Amino acid sequence: MFICGFVASMTIGCTIAPPLSGNVQEAPEPARTTGAETAAGDEIALFALSTLGAPYAEGGASRGTGFDCSGLVAYVFRRAAQVELPRTTFELSRVGHRVAPEALLPGDLVFFDTQRRAFSHVGIYLGERRFIHAPSTGGTVRIEDMRFEYWARRFNGARRIAL
């Protein structure tokens, strides 16, 4: 898949890591079955890559002002798929359908507990267990590997937005 190859070329090296774990609490939705849905998810992931390097800004939701995590997600979905999403991670964690870690597809939302509360951080899944996000003050939009211990321990679940 193009996304996976592009993402792999954007990161430094590959590591072999244990499978992703998480605490998805309800039965996952089946994987996308139509080419149109998969293509839309790929388009979201590709557009998200155009934000790499943008500065983190609390409450930010544009390339010009910078992004926080939920602002990045809202911006990408609005621009790439003409879909308006809620603005907070908590609200985002309730839209779409839950997805099991092994069923993730590019464009899915991935959630993490980074502030000792569930769903306190969100990113956009790119493929090959990598996601893009706006990390924190002083950081820039970047790609992370979900298999790294920090992210694997904090994974809260994933959502797929109907496109």
C-alpha atoms as a PDB file:
ATOM      1  CA  MET A   1       0.000   0.000   0.000  1.00  0.00           C
ATOM      2  CA  PHE A   2       1.335   3.448  -0.915  1.00  0.00           C
ATOM      3  CA  ILE A   3       0.649   4.944   2.529  1.00  0.00           C
ATOM      4  CA  CYS A   4       2.658   2.268   4.294  1.00  0.00           C
ATOM      5  CA  GLY A   5       5.630   2.674   1.985  1.00  0.00           C
ATOM      6  CA  PHE A   6       5.548   6.459   2.249  1.00  0.00           C
ATOM      7  CA  VAL A   7       5.264   6.376   6.033  1.00  0.00           C
ATOM      8  CA  ALA A   8       8.076   3.859   6.266  1.00  0.00           C
ATOM      9  CA  SER A   9      10.295   6.123   4.196  1.00  0.00           C
ATOM     10  CA  MET A  10       9.458   9.081   6.462  1.00  0.00           C
ATOM     11  CA  THR A  11      10.670   7.317   9.605  1.00  0.00           C
ATOM     12  CA  ILE A  12      14.140   6.320  10.627  1.00  0.00           C
ATOM     13  CA  GLY A  13      14.589   2.561  10.565  1.00  0.00           C
ATOM     14  CA  CYS A  14      12.195  -0.200  11.438  1.00  0.00           C
ATOM     15  CA  THR A  15      12.043  -2.147  14.638  1.00  0.00           C
ATOM     16  CA  ILE A  16      10.432  -5.413  15.500  1.00  0.00           C
ATOM     17  CA  ALA A  17       8.171  -4.919  18.465  1.00  0.00           C
ATOM     18  CA  PRO A  18       5.457  -6.847  20.283  1.00  0.00           C
ATOM     19  CA  PRO A  19       1.908  -6.585  18.968  1.00  0.00           C
ATOM     20  CA  LEU A  20      -0.162  -3.548  19.856  1.00  0.00           C
ATOM     21  CA  SER A  21      -2.313  -3.972  22.931  1.00  0.00           C
ATOM     22  CA  GLY A  22      -5.282  -1.934  24.054  1.00  0.00           C
ATOM     23  CA  ASN A  23      -8.506  -1.926  25.934  1.00  0.00           C
ATOM     24  CA  VAL A  24     -11.221  -1.716  23.296  1.00  0.00           C
ATOM     25  CA  GLN A  25     -14.415  -2.234  25.271  1.00  0.00           C
ATOM     26  CA  GLU A  26     -17.016  -3.259  22.710  1.00  0.00           C
ATOM     27  CA  ALA A  27     -17.118  -5.514  19.688  1.00  0.00           C
ATOM     28  CA  PRO A  28     -15.179  -3.962  16.827  1.00  0.00           C
ATOM     29  CA  GLU A  29     -16.775  -2.951  13.571  1.00  0.00           C
ATOM     30  CA  PRO A  30     -15.885  -4.981  10.482  1.00  0.00           C
ATOM     31  CA  ALA A  31     -13.097  -3.558   8.342  1.00  0.00           C
ATOM     32  CA  ARG A  32     -13.992  -1.245   5.478  1.00  0.00           C
ATOM     33  CA  THR A  33     -15.265  -3.337   2.645  1.00  0.00           C
ATOM     34  CA  THR A  34     -15.553  -0.890  -0.223  1.00  0.00           C
ATOM     35  CA  GLY A  35     -12.754   0.578  -2.227  1.00  0.00           C
ATOM     36  CA  ALA A  36     -14.294   4.044  -1.839  1.00  0.00           C
ATOM     37  CA  GLU A  37     -14.121   3.885   1.956  1.00  0.00           C
ATOM     38  CA  THR A  38     -10.530   2.641   1.912  1.00  0.00           C
ATOM     39  CA  ALA A  39      -9.560   5.338  -0.600  1.00  0.00           C
ATOM     40  CA  ALA A  40     -11.128   8.013   1.621  1.00  0.00           C
ATOM     41  CA  GLY A  41      -9.111   6.788   4.608  1.00  0.00           C
ATOM     42  CA  ASP A  42      -5.944   6.818   2.496  1.00  0.00           C
ATOM     43  CA  GLU A  43      -6.725  10.387   1.391  1.00  0.00           C
ATOM     44  CA  ILE A  44      -7.127  11.479   5.013  1.00  0.00           C
ATOM     45  CA  ALA A  45      -3.816   9.867   5.962  1.00  0.00           C
ATOM     46  CA  LEU A  46      -2.030  11.466   2.995  1.00  0.00           C
ATOM     47  CA  PHE A  47      -3.441  14.886   3.752  1.00  0.00           C
ATOM     48  CA  ALA A  48      -2.440  14.511   7.413  1.00  0.00           C
ATOM     49  CA  LEU A  49       1.161  14.037   6.251  1.00  0.00           C
ATOM     50  CA  SER A  50       1.059  17.545   4.775  1.00  0.00           C
ATOM     51  CA  THR A  51       0.883  18.891   8.334  1.00  0.00           C
ATOM     52  CA  LEU A  52       4.196  17.330   9.421  1.00  0.00           C
ATOM     53  CA  GLY A  53       6.354  19.864  11.224  1.00  0.00           C
ATOM     54  CA  ALA A  54       3.536  22.289  12.043  1.00  0.00           C
ATOM     55  CA  PRO A  55       3.979  23.676  15.570  1.00  0.00           C
ATOM     56  CA  TYR A  56       1.949  22.556  18.558  1.00  0.00           C
ATOM     57  CA  ALA A  57      -0.408  25.248  19.837  1.00  0.00           C
ATOM     58  CA  GLU A  58      -2.933  24.691  22.605  1.00  0.00           C
ATOM     59  CA  GLY A  59      -6.360  25.241  21.076  1.00  0.00           C
ATOM     60  CA  GLY A  60      -4.778  25.511  17.605  1.00  0.00           C
ATOM     61  CA  ALA A  61      -6.702  24.210  14.629  1.00  0.00           C
ATOM     62  CA  SER A  62      -4.941  25.514  11.508  1.00  0.00           C
ATOM     63  CA  ARG A  63      -1.604  25.449   9.725  1.00  0.00           C
ATOM     64  CA  GLY A  64      -1.243  29.159  10.458  1.00  0.00           C
ATOM     65  CA  THR A  65      -1.871  28.969  14.218  1.00  0.00           C
ATOM     66  CA  GLY A  66      -0.490  25.488  14.853  1.00  0.00           C
ATOM     67  CA  PHE A  67      -2.381  22.485  16.173  1.00  0.00           C
ATOM     68  CA  ASP A  68      -3.296  20.680  19.306  1.00  0.00           C
ATOM     69  CA  CYS A  69      -4.191  17.004  18.892  1.00  0.00           C
ATOM     70  CA  SER A  70      -7.937  17.378  18.389  1.00  0.00           C
ATOM     71  CA  GLY A  71      -7.474  20.521  16.293  1.00  0.00           C
ATOM     72  CA  LEU A  72      -5.222  18.569  13.941  1.00  0.00           C
ATOM     73  CA  VAL A  73      -7.830  15.811  13.558  1.00  0.00           C
ATOM     74  CA  ALA A  74     -10.664  18.305  12.947  1.00  0.00           C
ATOM     75  CA  TYR A  75      -8.565  20.238  10.407  1.00  0.00           C
ATOM     76  CA  VAL A  76      -7.514  17.139   8.445  1.00  0.00           C
ATOM     77  CA  PHE A  77     -11.024  15.670   8.265  1.00  0.00           C
ATOM     78  CA  ARG A  78     -12.544  19.026   7.295  1.00  0.00           C
ATOM     79  CA  ARG A  79      -9.996  19.663   4.531  1.00  0.00           C
ATOM     80  CA  ALA A  80      -9.487  16.108   3.216  1.00  0.00           C
ATOM     81  CA  ALA A  81     -12.998  14.669   3.557  1.00  0.00           C
ATOM     82  CA  GLN A  82     -15.319  17.658   4.104  1.00  0.00           C
ATOM     83  CA  VAL A  83     -16.362  16.100   7.433  1.00  0.00           C
ATOM     84  CA  GLU A  84     -16.946  18.301  10.483  1.00  0.00           C
ATOM     85  CA  LEU A  85     -15.851  16.591  13.688  1.00  0.00           C
ATOM     86  CA  PRO A  86     -16.188  17.598  17.330  1.00  0.00           C
ATOM     87  CA  ARG A  87     -13.345  19.665  18.741  1.00  0.00           C
ATOM     88  CA  THR A  88     -12.363  17.766  21.908  1.00  0.00           C
ATOM     89  CA  THR A  89     -10.775  14.348  22.330  1.00  0.00           C
ATOM     90  CA  PHE A  90     -13.597  13.260  24.635  1.00  0.00           C
ATOM     91  CA  GLU A  91     -16.232  14.132  22.019  1.00  0.00           C
ATOM     92  CA  LEU A  92     -14.151  12.541  19.240  1.00  0.00           C
ATOM     93  CA  SER A  93     -13.963   9.316  21.244  1.00  0.00           C
ATOM     94  CA  ARG A  94     -17.731   8.959  20.857  1.00  0.00           C
ATOM     95  CA  VAL A  95     -18.122   9.425  17.086  1.00  0.00           C
ATOM     96  CA  GLY A  96     -17.874   6.696  14.496  1.00  0.00           C
ATOM     97  CA  HIS A  97     -17.417   3.040  15.382  1.00  0.00           C
ATOM     98  CA  ARG A  98     -14.886   1.335  17.628  1.00  0.00           C
ATOM     99  CA  VAL A  99     -12.165  -0.580  15.830  1.00  0.00           C
ATOM    100  CA  ALA A 100      -9.960  -3.357  17.207  1.00  0.00           C
ATOM    101  CA  PRO A 101      -6.205  -2.652  17.023  1.00  0.00           C
ATOM    102  CA  GLU A 102      -5.651  -5.451  14.515  1.00  0.00           C
ATOM    103  CA  ALA A 103      -8.337  -3.990  12.200  1.00  0.00           C
ATOM    104  CA  LEU A 104      -6.939  -0.432  12.001  1.00  0.00           C
ATOM    105  CA  LEU A 105      -6.885   1.244   8.591  1.00  0.00           C
ATOM    106  CA  PRO A 106      -5.366   4.544   7.467  1.00  0.00           C
ATOM    107  CA  GLY A 107      -7.616   7.435   8.480  1.00  0.00           C
ATOM    108  CA  ASP A 108      -8.872   5.813  11.692  1.00  0.00           C
ATOM    109  CA  LEU A 109      -8.592   7.810  14.915  1.00  0.00           C
ATOM    110  CA  VAL A 110      -6.376   6.390  17.661  1.00  0.00           C
ATOM    111  CA  PHE A 111      -6.731   7.441  21.306  1.00  0.00           C
ATOM    112  CA  PHE A 112      -4.342   7.444  24.233  1.00  0.00           C
ATOM    113  CA  ASP A 113      -4.326   8.188  27.955  1.00  0.00           C
ATOM    114  CA  THR A 114      -1.512  10.738  28.250  1.00  0.00           C
ATOM    115  CA  GLN A 115      -2.945  12.785  31.129  1.00  0.00           C
ATOM    116  CA  ARG A 116      -4.148  10.063  33.493  1.00  0.00           C
ATOM    117  CA  ARG A 117      -7.585  10.119  31.922  1.00  0.00           C
ATOM    118  CA  ALA A 118      -8.927   8.028  29.086  1.00  0.00           C
ATOM    119  CA  PHE A 119      -9.090   9.571  25.631  1.00  0.00           C
ATOM    120  CA  SER A 120      -6.908  12.549  26.553  1.00  0.00           C
ATOM    121  CA  HIS A 121      -4.922  12.385  23.284  1.00  0.00           C
ATOM    122  CA  VAL A 122      -5.826  11.557  19.672  1.00  0.00           C
ATOM    123  CA  GLY A 123      -3.989  10.962  16.419  1.00  0.00           C
ATOM    124  CA  ILE A 124      -4.693   9.726  12.895  1.00  0.00           C
ATOM    125  CA  TYR A 125      -3.624   6.204  11.994  1.00  0.00           C
ATOM    126  CA  LEU A 126      -1.333   5.993   8.930  1.00  0.00           C
ATOM    127  CA  GLY A 127      -0.703   2.260   8.588  1.00  0.00           C
ATOM    128  CA  GLU A 128       2.027  -0.116   9.771  1.00  0.00           C
ATOM    129  CA  ARG A 129       1.238   0.759  13.413  1.00  0.00           C
ATOM    130  CA  ARG A 130       2.178   4.407  12.917  1.00  0.00           C
ATOM    131  CA  PHE A 131       0.111   7.503  13.587  1.00  0.00           C
ATOM    132  CA  ILE A 132       0.454  11.252  13.143  1.00  0.00           C
ATOM    133  CA  HIS A 133      -0.355  13.688  15.938  1.00  0.00           C
ATOM    134  CA  ALA A 134       0.345  17.070  17.518  1.00  0.00           C
ATOM    135  CA  PRO A 135       2.213  15.995  20.673  1.00  0.00           C
ATOM    136  CA  SER A 136       2.571  18.801  23.231  1.00  0.00           C
ATOM    137  CA  THR A 137       3.882  22.270  23.967  1.00  0.00           C
ATOM    138  CA  GLY A 138       7.207  22.828  22.241  1.00  0.00           C
ATOM    139  CA  GLY A 139       6.637  19.965  19.806  1.00  0.00           C
ATOM    140  CA  THR A 140       5.617  19.742  16.184  1.00  0.00           C
ATOM    141  CA  VAL A 141       3.240  17.475  14.296  1.00  0.00           C
ATOM    142  CA  ARG A 142       5.067  14.177  13.901  1.00  0.00           C
ATOM    143  CA  ILE A 143       4.761  10.452  13.276  1.00  0.00           C
ATOM    144  CA  GLU A 144       4.989   7.922  16.120  1.00  0.00           C
ATOM    145  CA  ASP A 145       5.096   4.137  16.282  1.00  0.00           C
ATOM    146  CA  MET A 146       2.243   2.667  18.330  1.00  0.00           C
ATOM    147  CA  ARG A 147       4.412  -0.329  19.237  1.00  0.00           C
ATOM    148  CA  PHE A 148       6.767   1.802  21.318  1.00  0.00           C
ATOM    149  CA  GLU A 149       6.152   1.035  24.973  1.00  0.00           C
ATOM    150  CA  TYR A 150       5.005   4.578  25.832  1.00  0.00           C
ATOM    151  CA  TRP A 151       2.187   4.485  23.272  1.00  0.00           C
ATOM    152  CA  ALA A 152       1.318   0.782  23.635  1.00  0.00           C
ATOM    153  CA  ARG A 153       0.742   1.191  27.405  1.00  0.00           C
ATOM    154  CA  ARG A 154      -1.448   4.262  26.899  1.00  0.00           C
ATOM    155  CA  PHE A 155      -3.572   3.093  23.954  1.00  0.00           C
ATOM    156  CA  ASN A 156      -7.305   3.532  24.747  1.00  0.00           C
ATOM    157  CA  GLY A 157      -8.886   2.417  21.521  1.00  0.00           C
ATOM    158  CA  ALA A 158      -9.694   3.512  17.996  1.00  0.00           C
ATOM    159  CA  ARG A 159     -12.643   4.879  16.067  1.00  0.00           C
ATOM    160  CA  ARG A 160     -13.543   4.754  12.398  1.00  0.00           C
ATOM    161  CA  ILE A 161     -15.460   7.709  11.009  1.00  0.00           C
ATOM    162  CA  ALA A 162     -18.026   6.899   8.301  1.00  0.00           C
ATOM    163  CA  LEU A 163     -16.988   8.726   5.143  1.00  0.00           C
END
